[in-house]
């Protein structure tokens, strides 16, 4: 059995989702969002992301981390901030001894919905169905769970 943490990096909200994979079946463990404090300087917010993910990793003990790659945002400043947030997530995983796997947003959508251009709502719905959840996780948590599912699919091929 393998435990996977999926991470959807963001400078305001970083989603995380933890799943177990056992004999090709997926099981929900936890999900949520690390929220940063908007009034804080950007460097402090990056540390909030690192600390929050560090805690999640230590509590849930995943074996590997799957992190969504930065997509090309229309605003270069936003893309840079997203890249910094992703870096904080990668360092949190690496500091805890996890191997890190990168997946493009398109690959994640393809793995979960079967269509690389799927809408956020479609991803949310399929995550709920695939993990047999009673309710829908927040969009950021659903995206993170989708990244974890994408990695699980790669292992199962």
N, C-alpha and C. Protein backbone atom coordinates (compact mmCIF):
# COMPACT_ATOMS: atom_id res chain seq x y z
N UNK A 1 0.85 -1.18 0.00
CA UNK A 1 0.00 0.00 0.00
C UNK A 1 0.89 1.23 0.00
N UNK A 2 0.50 2.25 -0.78
CA UNK A 2 1.28 3.47 -0.84
C UNK A 2 0.44 4.69 -0.52
N UNK A 3 1.01 5.58 0.25
CA UNK A 3 0.31 6.82 0.58
C UNK A 3 0.91 7.95 -0.24
N UNK A 4 0.04 8.73 -0.87
CA UNK A 4 0.45 9.80 -1.77
C UNK A 4 -0.16 11.11 -1.30
N UNK A 5 0.66 12.17 -1.26
CA UNK A 5 0.12 13.51 -1.05
C UNK A 5 0.17 14.23 -2.38
N UNK A 6 -0.96 14.77 -2.76
CA UNK A 6 -1.06 15.61 -3.95
C UNK A 6 -1.10 17.06 -3.49
N UNK A 7 -0.40 17.93 -4.21
CA UNK A 7 -0.35 19.33 -3.83
C UNK A 7 -0.69 20.21 -5.03
N UNK A 8 -1.60 21.14 -4.81
CA UNK A 8 -1.98 22.14 -5.81
C UNK A 8 -1.51 23.49 -5.28
N UNK A 9 -0.32 23.94 -5.71
CA UNK A 9 0.26 25.15 -5.12
C UNK A 9 -0.47 26.43 -5.51
N UNK A 10 -0.53 27.35 -4.56
CA UNK A 10 -1.08 28.67 -4.80
C UNK A 10 -0.51 29.62 -3.77
N UNK A 11 -0.36 30.89 -4.13
CA UNK A 11 0.25 31.83 -3.19
C UNK A 11 -0.74 32.25 -2.09
N UNK A 12 -2.04 32.11 -2.35
CA UNK A 12 -3.04 32.43 -1.32
C UNK A 12 -3.56 31.16 -0.65
N UNK A 13 -3.84 30.15 -1.48
CA UNK A 13 -4.35 28.86 -0.98
C UNK A 13 -3.60 27.75 -1.67
N UNK A 14 -3.00 26.88 -0.89
CA UNK A 14 -2.34 25.69 -1.43
C UNK A 14 -3.15 24.48 -0.99
N UNK A 15 -3.71 23.80 -1.98
CA UNK A 15 -4.51 22.62 -1.67
C UNK A 15 -3.64 21.40 -1.47
N UNK A 16 -4.10 20.50 -0.58
CA UNK A 16 -3.42 19.22 -0.40
C UNK A 16 -4.47 18.12 -0.31
N UNK A 17 -4.07 16.95 -0.77
CA UNK A 17 -4.95 15.79 -0.70
C UNK A 17 -4.11 14.55 -0.48
N UNK A 18 -4.50 13.74 0.47
CA UNK A 18 -3.75 12.53 0.81
C UNK A 18 -4.65 11.33 0.52
N UNK A 19 -4.09 10.38 -0.25
CA UNK A 19 -4.82 9.15 -0.56
C UNK A 19 -3.92 7.95 -0.32
N UNK A 20 -4.55 6.80 -0.13
CA UNK A 20 -3.85 5.53 -0.07
C UNK A 20 -4.21 4.74 -1.32
N UNK A 21 -3.24 3.99 -1.83
CA UNK A 21 -3.50 3.10 -2.94
C UNK A 21 -3.15 1.69 -2.48
N UNK A 22 -4.11 0.79 -2.61
CA UNK A 22 -3.89 -0.60 -2.20
C UNK A 22 -4.48 -1.51 -3.26
N UNK A 23 -3.61 -2.29 -3.89
CA UNK A 23 -4.02 -3.24 -4.94
C UNK A 23 -4.89 -2.57 -6.00
N UNK A 24 -4.46 -1.40 -6.43
CA UNK A 24 -5.17 -0.70 -7.50
C UNK A 24 -6.40 0.09 -7.07
N UNK A 25 -6.75 0.00 -5.80
CA UNK A 25 -7.91 0.77 -5.29
C UNK A 25 -7.42 2.01 -4.57
N UNK A 26 -8.19 3.07 -4.67
CA UNK A 26 -7.84 4.34 -4.04
C UNK A 26 -8.73 4.59 -2.83
N UNK A 27 -8.12 5.12 -1.77
CA UNK A 27 -8.84 5.41 -0.54
C UNK A 27 -8.50 6.83 -0.07
N UNK A 28 -9.52 7.57 0.25
CA UNK A 28 -9.35 8.93 0.77
C UNK A 28 -8.78 8.89 2.19
N UNK A 29 -7.80 9.76 2.46
CA UNK A 29 -7.25 9.88 3.80
C UNK A 29 -7.58 11.26 4.38
N UNK A 30 -7.21 12.32 3.66
CA UNK A 30 -7.43 13.68 4.15
C UNK A 30 -7.28 14.67 3.00
N UNK A 31 -7.85 15.84 3.19
CA UNK A 31 -7.62 16.92 2.24
C UNK A 31 -7.89 18.24 2.94
N UNK A 32 -7.41 19.30 2.35
CA UNK A 32 -7.63 20.61 2.93
C UNK A 32 -6.84 21.68 2.17
N UNK A 33 -6.74 22.82 2.81
CA UNK A 33 -6.08 23.96 2.19
C UNK A 33 -5.19 24.64 3.23
N UNK A 34 -3.97 24.97 2.81
CA UNK A 34 -3.09 25.80 3.62
C UNK A 34 -3.33 27.22 3.13
N UNK A 35 -3.93 28.04 4.00
CA UNK A 35 -4.23 29.43 3.63
C UNK A 35 -3.14 30.34 4.18
N UNK A 36 -2.75 31.31 3.36
CA UNK A 36 -1.75 32.27 3.81
C UNK A 36 -2.45 33.55 4.26
N UNK A 37 -1.75 34.35 5.03
CA UNK A 37 -2.29 35.59 5.56
C UNK A 37 -2.01 36.72 4.58
N UNK A 38 -3.05 37.25 3.91
CA UNK A 38 -2.85 38.23 2.84
C UNK A 38 -2.06 39.48 3.26
N UNK A 39 -2.18 39.87 4.54
CA UNK A 39 -1.51 41.09 5.00
C UNK A 39 0.00 40.89 5.19
N UNK A 40 0.44 39.64 5.26
CA UNK A 40 1.85 39.36 5.51
C UNK A 40 2.68 39.60 4.24
N UNK A 41 3.96 39.91 4.43
CA UNK A 41 4.85 40.01 3.27
C UNK A 41 4.89 38.66 2.54
N UNK A 42 5.19 38.71 1.25
CA UNK A 42 5.17 37.50 0.43
C UNK A 42 6.11 36.41 0.98
N UNK A 43 7.29 36.79 1.42
CA UNK A 43 8.25 35.80 1.96
C UNK A 43 7.66 35.08 3.17
N UNK A 44 6.93 35.80 4.01
CA UNK A 44 6.30 35.20 5.19
C UNK A 44 5.21 34.23 4.76
N UNK A 45 4.47 34.58 3.71
CA UNK A 45 3.42 33.70 3.20
C UNK A 45 4.01 32.40 2.63
N UNK A 46 5.18 32.50 1.99
CA UNK A 46 5.85 31.29 1.50
C UNK A 46 6.21 30.38 2.67
N UNK A 47 6.64 31.00 3.76
CA UNK A 47 6.97 30.21 4.96
C UNK A 47 5.71 29.56 5.55
N UNK A 48 4.58 30.26 5.46
CA UNK A 48 3.31 29.67 5.92
C UNK A 48 2.97 28.42 5.10
N UNK A 49 3.20 28.48 3.79
CA UNK A 49 2.95 27.32 2.92
C UNK A 49 3.87 26.17 3.34
N UNK A 50 5.14 26.48 3.50
CA UNK A 50 6.12 25.45 3.91
C UNK A 50 5.71 24.82 5.24
N UNK A 51 5.44 25.66 6.24
CA UNK A 51 5.08 25.15 7.57
C UNK A 51 3.81 24.32 7.53
N UNK A 52 2.79 24.80 6.80
CA UNK A 52 1.51 24.09 6.73
C UNK A 52 1.66 22.72 6.08
N UNK A 53 2.38 22.66 4.97
CA UNK A 53 2.57 21.38 4.29
C UNK A 53 3.47 20.46 5.10
N UNK A 54 4.47 21.04 5.75
CA UNK A 54 5.36 20.26 6.61
C UNK A 54 4.53 19.53 7.68
N UNK A 55 3.60 20.24 8.28
CA UNK A 55 2.75 19.65 9.32
C UNK A 55 1.86 18.54 8.74
N UNK A 56 1.25 18.80 7.59
CA UNK A 56 0.38 17.80 6.95
C UNK A 56 1.18 16.54 6.64
N UNK A 57 2.38 16.71 6.10
CA UNK A 57 3.23 15.57 5.76
C UNK A 57 3.60 14.78 7.01
N UNK A 58 3.94 15.47 8.08
CA UNK A 58 4.33 14.78 9.31
C UNK A 58 3.15 14.06 9.96
N UNK A 59 1.96 14.63 9.87
CA UNK A 59 0.77 14.01 10.45
C UNK A 59 0.34 12.77 9.65
N UNK A 60 0.36 12.86 8.32
CA UNK A 60 -0.21 11.79 7.48
C UNK A 60 0.82 10.82 6.92
N UNK A 61 2.10 11.16 6.95
CA UNK A 61 3.16 10.25 6.55
C UNK A 61 3.08 9.67 5.15
N UNK A 62 2.91 10.52 4.13
CA UNK A 62 2.90 9.98 2.76
C UNK A 62 4.28 9.44 2.38
N UNK A 63 4.29 8.55 1.39
CA UNK A 63 5.55 7.99 0.89
C UNK A 63 6.13 8.85 -0.23
N UNK A 64 5.25 9.51 -0.98
CA UNK A 64 5.68 10.35 -2.11
C UNK A 64 4.79 11.59 -2.20
N UNK A 65 5.29 12.58 -2.93
CA UNK A 65 4.52 13.80 -3.19
C UNK A 65 4.35 13.98 -4.69
N UNK A 66 3.15 14.33 -5.10
CA UNK A 66 2.86 14.67 -6.49
C UNK A 66 2.41 16.13 -6.49
N UNK A 67 3.08 16.95 -7.29
CA UNK A 67 2.82 18.39 -7.27
C UNK A 67 2.50 18.87 -8.67
N UNK A 68 1.44 19.68 -8.75
CA UNK A 68 1.07 20.23 -10.05
C UNK A 68 2.08 21.27 -10.49
N UNK A 69 2.45 21.19 -11.77
CA UNK A 69 3.39 22.16 -12.34
C UNK A 69 2.70 23.50 -12.52
N UNK A 70 3.49 24.55 -12.61
CA UNK A 70 2.96 25.89 -12.85
C UNK A 70 2.50 25.97 -14.30
N UNK A 71 1.27 26.43 -14.49
CA UNK A 71 0.78 26.66 -15.84
C UNK A 71 1.17 28.09 -16.24
N UNK A 72 1.16 28.37 -17.50
CA UNK A 72 1.52 29.70 -17.96
C UNK A 72 0.33 30.63 -17.74
N UNK A 73 0.40 31.42 -16.70
CA UNK A 73 -0.67 32.36 -16.39
C UNK A 73 -0.60 33.55 -17.34
N UNK A 74 -1.71 34.23 -17.49
CA UNK A 74 -1.73 35.41 -18.37
C UNK A 74 -0.90 36.54 -17.75
N UNK A 75 -0.82 36.56 -16.44
CA UNK A 75 -0.07 37.59 -15.74
C UNK A 75 1.28 37.04 -15.30
N UNK A 76 2.39 37.55 -15.83
CA UNK A 76 3.71 37.03 -15.46
C UNK A 76 4.00 37.12 -13.96
N UNK A 77 3.51 38.17 -13.32
CA UNK A 77 3.72 38.33 -11.87
C UNK A 77 3.03 37.19 -11.10
N UNK A 78 1.82 36.84 -11.53
CA UNK A 78 1.10 35.72 -10.91
C UNK A 78 1.84 34.41 -11.12
N UNK A 79 2.37 34.21 -12.30
CA UNK A 79 3.11 32.98 -12.60
C UNK A 79 4.35 32.88 -11.71
N UNK A 80 5.03 34.00 -11.50
CA UNK A 80 6.21 33.99 -10.63
C UNK A 80 5.84 33.65 -9.19
N UNK A 81 4.76 34.25 -8.69
CA UNK A 81 4.32 33.96 -7.32
C UNK A 81 3.92 32.50 -7.19
N UNK A 82 3.24 31.98 -8.20
CA UNK A 82 2.84 30.58 -8.19
C UNK A 82 4.08 29.67 -8.18
N UNK A 83 5.09 30.05 -8.94
CA UNK A 83 6.34 29.29 -8.96
C UNK A 83 7.02 29.28 -7.60
N UNK A 84 6.99 30.43 -6.92
CA UNK A 84 7.56 30.50 -5.57
C UNK A 84 6.79 29.59 -4.61
N UNK A 85 5.46 29.63 -4.69
CA UNK A 85 4.62 28.79 -3.82
C UNK A 85 4.90 27.31 -4.09
N UNK A 86 5.06 26.97 -5.36
CA UNK A 86 5.38 25.60 -5.74
C UNK A 86 6.74 25.20 -5.16
N UNK A 87 7.69 26.12 -5.20
CA UNK A 87 9.01 25.86 -4.62
C UNK A 87 8.94 25.57 -3.13
N UNK A 88 8.11 26.34 -2.41
CA UNK A 88 7.94 26.10 -0.97
C UNK A 88 7.36 24.70 -0.73
N UNK A 89 6.43 24.28 -1.60
CA UNK A 89 5.83 22.95 -1.47
C UNK A 89 6.86 21.85 -1.76
N UNK A 90 7.66 22.05 -2.79
CA UNK A 90 8.69 21.07 -3.14
C UNK A 90 9.68 20.92 -1.99
N UNK A 91 10.12 22.04 -1.42
CA UNK A 91 11.09 21.99 -0.32
C UNK A 91 10.48 21.30 0.90
N UNK A 92 9.21 21.56 1.20
CA UNK A 92 8.56 20.88 2.33
C UNK A 92 8.58 19.36 2.12
N UNK A 93 8.26 18.93 0.91
CA UNK A 93 8.27 17.49 0.62
C UNK A 93 9.68 16.92 0.72
N UNK A 94 10.64 17.61 0.12
CA UNK A 94 12.03 17.12 0.12
C UNK A 94 12.62 17.08 1.53
N UNK A 95 12.30 18.08 2.34
CA UNK A 95 12.81 18.12 3.72
C UNK A 95 12.28 16.95 4.55
N UNK A 96 11.17 16.39 4.11
CA UNK A 96 10.60 15.23 4.81
C UNK A 96 10.97 13.92 4.13
N UNK A 97 11.93 13.97 3.22
CA UNK A 97 12.44 12.76 2.58
C UNK A 97 11.56 12.17 1.50
N UNK A 98 10.62 12.95 0.98
CA UNK A 98 9.72 12.42 -0.04
C UNK A 98 10.29 12.62 -1.44
N UNK A 99 10.09 11.64 -2.29
CA UNK A 99 10.36 11.81 -3.72
C UNK A 99 9.24 12.70 -4.25
N UNK A 100 9.56 13.60 -5.18
CA UNK A 100 8.58 14.54 -5.72
C UNK A 100 8.37 14.25 -7.21
N UNK A 101 7.12 14.14 -7.60
CA UNK A 101 6.74 13.90 -8.99
C UNK A 101 5.92 15.08 -9.48
N UNK A 102 6.21 15.54 -10.69
CA UNK A 102 5.55 16.71 -11.25
C UNK A 102 4.56 16.30 -12.33
N UNK A 103 3.39 16.96 -12.32
CA UNK A 103 2.38 16.69 -13.33
C UNK A 103 1.80 18.00 -13.85
N UNK A 104 1.61 18.06 -15.14
CA UNK A 104 1.01 19.26 -15.74
C UNK A 104 -0.48 19.27 -15.44
N UNK A 105 -1.09 20.46 -15.40
CA UNK A 105 -2.54 20.52 -15.19
C UNK A 105 -3.30 19.68 -16.22
N UNK A 106 -2.83 19.69 -17.45
CA UNK A 106 -3.48 18.91 -18.51
C UNK A 106 -3.43 17.41 -18.21
N UNK A 107 -2.26 16.91 -17.76
CA UNK A 107 -2.12 15.48 -17.43
C UNK A 107 -3.03 15.09 -16.27
N UNK A 108 -3.15 15.98 -15.28
CA UNK A 108 -4.00 15.71 -14.12
C UNK A 108 -5.46 15.60 -14.56
N UNK A 109 -5.92 16.55 -15.35
CA UNK A 109 -7.31 16.53 -15.84
C UNK A 109 -7.56 15.30 -16.70
N UNK A 110 -6.60 14.96 -17.54
CA UNK A 110 -6.71 13.78 -18.40
C UNK A 110 -6.86 12.51 -17.55
N UNK A 111 -6.06 12.41 -16.48
CA UNK A 111 -6.08 11.23 -15.63
C UNK A 111 -7.38 11.07 -14.85
N UNK A 112 -7.96 12.19 -14.44
CA UNK A 112 -9.14 12.14 -13.57
C UNK A 112 -10.45 12.22 -14.34
N UNK A 113 -10.49 13.07 -15.36
CA UNK A 113 -11.73 13.29 -16.10
C UNK A 113 -11.71 12.60 -17.47
N UNK A 114 -10.49 12.37 -17.99
CA UNK A 114 -10.39 11.78 -19.32
C UNK A 114 -10.32 12.82 -20.42
N UNK A 115 -10.22 14.09 -20.00
CA UNK A 115 -10.19 15.20 -20.95
C UNK A 115 -9.28 16.29 -20.40
N UNK A 116 -8.22 16.63 -21.13
CA UNK A 116 -7.21 17.56 -20.66
C UNK A 116 -7.64 19.00 -20.50
N UNK A 117 -8.81 19.34 -21.05
CA UNK A 117 -9.31 20.72 -20.93
C UNK A 117 -10.51 20.81 -19.98
N UNK A 118 -10.67 19.82 -19.12
CA UNK A 118 -11.84 19.75 -18.23
C UNK A 118 -11.93 20.97 -17.31
N UNK A 119 -13.15 21.34 -16.98
CA UNK A 119 -13.41 22.47 -16.06
C UNK A 119 -13.17 22.02 -14.62
N UNK A 120 -12.92 23.00 -13.74
CA UNK A 120 -12.69 22.72 -12.32
C UNK A 120 -13.84 21.90 -11.72
N UNK A 121 -15.07 22.23 -12.12
CA UNK A 121 -16.24 21.53 -11.58
C UNK A 121 -16.24 20.06 -11.97
N UNK A 122 -15.78 19.76 -13.19
CA UNK A 122 -15.71 18.36 -13.64
C UNK A 122 -14.66 17.60 -12.82
N UNK A 123 -13.54 18.25 -12.55
CA UNK A 123 -12.49 17.63 -11.74
C UNK A 123 -13.03 17.35 -10.34
N UNK A 124 -13.68 18.34 -9.75
CA UNK A 124 -14.27 18.19 -8.41
C UNK A 124 -15.23 17.01 -8.37
N UNK A 125 -16.10 16.92 -9.38
CA UNK A 125 -17.09 15.85 -9.43
C UNK A 125 -16.42 14.48 -9.54
N UNK A 126 -15.44 14.35 -10.43
CA UNK A 126 -14.80 13.04 -10.63
C UNK A 126 -13.97 12.62 -9.41
N UNK A 127 -13.35 13.58 -8.74
CA UNK A 127 -12.62 13.25 -7.50
C UNK A 127 -13.59 12.67 -6.48
N UNK A 128 -14.75 13.31 -6.37
CA UNK A 128 -15.78 12.84 -5.43
C UNK A 128 -16.21 11.41 -5.78
N UNK A 129 -16.43 11.15 -7.07
CA UNK A 129 -16.86 9.83 -7.52
C UNK A 129 -15.76 8.79 -7.32
N UNK A 130 -14.54 9.10 -7.76
CA UNK A 130 -13.44 8.13 -7.69
C UNK A 130 -13.06 7.75 -6.26
N UNK A 131 -13.18 8.72 -5.35
CA UNK A 131 -12.81 8.45 -3.95
C UNK A 131 -14.03 8.14 -3.08
N UNK A 132 -15.21 8.07 -3.71
CA UNK A 132 -16.46 7.75 -3.02
C UNK A 132 -16.70 8.66 -1.82
N UNK A 133 -16.55 9.96 -2.05
CA UNK A 133 -16.74 10.94 -0.98
C UNK A 133 -18.21 11.31 -0.85
N UNK A 134 -18.65 11.60 0.35
CA UNK A 134 -20.05 11.96 0.57
C UNK A 134 -20.33 13.41 0.14
N UNK A 135 -19.30 14.25 0.14
CA UNK A 135 -19.47 15.64 -0.27
C UNK A 135 -18.31 16.06 -1.15
N UNK A 136 -18.45 17.24 -1.74
CA UNK A 136 -17.39 17.74 -2.61
C UNK A 136 -16.35 18.50 -1.80
N UNK A 137 -15.07 18.19 -2.00
CA UNK A 137 -14.03 18.99 -1.34
C UNK A 137 -13.96 20.37 -2.00
N UNK A 138 -13.31 21.32 -1.35
CA UNK A 138 -13.14 22.64 -1.94
C UNK A 138 -12.39 22.50 -3.26
N UNK A 139 -12.51 23.47 -4.16
CA UNK A 139 -11.82 23.36 -5.46
C UNK A 139 -10.31 23.12 -5.32
N UNK A 140 -9.64 23.80 -4.40
CA UNK A 140 -8.20 23.64 -4.24
C UNK A 140 -7.85 22.25 -3.69
N UNK A 141 -8.63 21.77 -2.74
CA UNK A 141 -8.41 20.42 -2.19
C UNK A 141 -8.72 19.36 -3.24
N UNK A 142 -9.77 19.58 -4.03
CA UNK A 142 -10.13 18.63 -5.09
C UNK A 142 -9.01 18.55 -6.13
N UNK A 143 -8.44 19.70 -6.49
CA UNK A 143 -7.34 19.71 -7.45
C UNK A 143 -6.15 18.93 -6.90
N UNK A 144 -5.87 19.09 -5.61
CA UNK A 144 -4.75 18.38 -4.98
C UNK A 144 -5.02 16.87 -4.97
N UNK A 145 -6.24 16.48 -4.64
CA UNK A 145 -6.59 15.06 -4.67
C UNK A 145 -6.46 14.52 -6.10
N UNK A 146 -6.82 15.34 -7.08
CA UNK A 146 -6.70 14.93 -8.49
C UNK A 146 -5.23 14.69 -8.85
N UNK A 147 -4.33 15.52 -8.33
CA UNK A 147 -2.89 15.33 -8.60
C UNK A 147 -2.44 14.01 -7.99
N UNK A 148 -2.90 13.70 -6.78
CA UNK A 148 -2.56 12.42 -6.13
C UNK A 148 -3.11 11.24 -6.94
N UNK A 149 -4.34 11.36 -7.42
CA UNK A 149 -4.95 10.30 -8.24
C UNK A 149 -4.17 10.12 -9.53
N UNK A 150 -3.74 11.22 -10.13
CA UNK A 150 -2.94 11.17 -11.36
C UNK A 150 -1.67 10.35 -11.10
N UNK A 151 -1.00 10.60 -9.98
CA UNK A 151 0.22 9.85 -9.66
C UNK A 151 -0.11 8.38 -9.44
N UNK A 152 -1.18 8.09 -8.74
CA UNK A 152 -1.58 6.71 -8.49
C UNK A 152 -1.83 5.99 -9.82
N UNK A 153 -2.44 6.68 -10.78
CA UNK A 153 -2.69 6.08 -12.10
C UNK A 153 -1.37 5.75 -12.81
N UNK A 154 -0.37 6.62 -12.65
CA UNK A 154 0.94 6.39 -13.27
C UNK A 154 1.59 5.12 -12.69
N UNK A 155 1.41 4.92 -11.39
CA UNK A 155 1.98 3.75 -10.73
C UNK A 155 1.30 2.46 -11.17
N UNK A 156 0.02 2.58 -11.50
CA UNK A 156 -0.81 1.41 -11.79
C UNK A 156 -0.76 0.99 -13.25
N UNK A 157 -0.14 1.81 -14.11
CA UNK A 157 -0.10 1.49 -15.54
C UNK A 157 0.68 0.22 -15.83
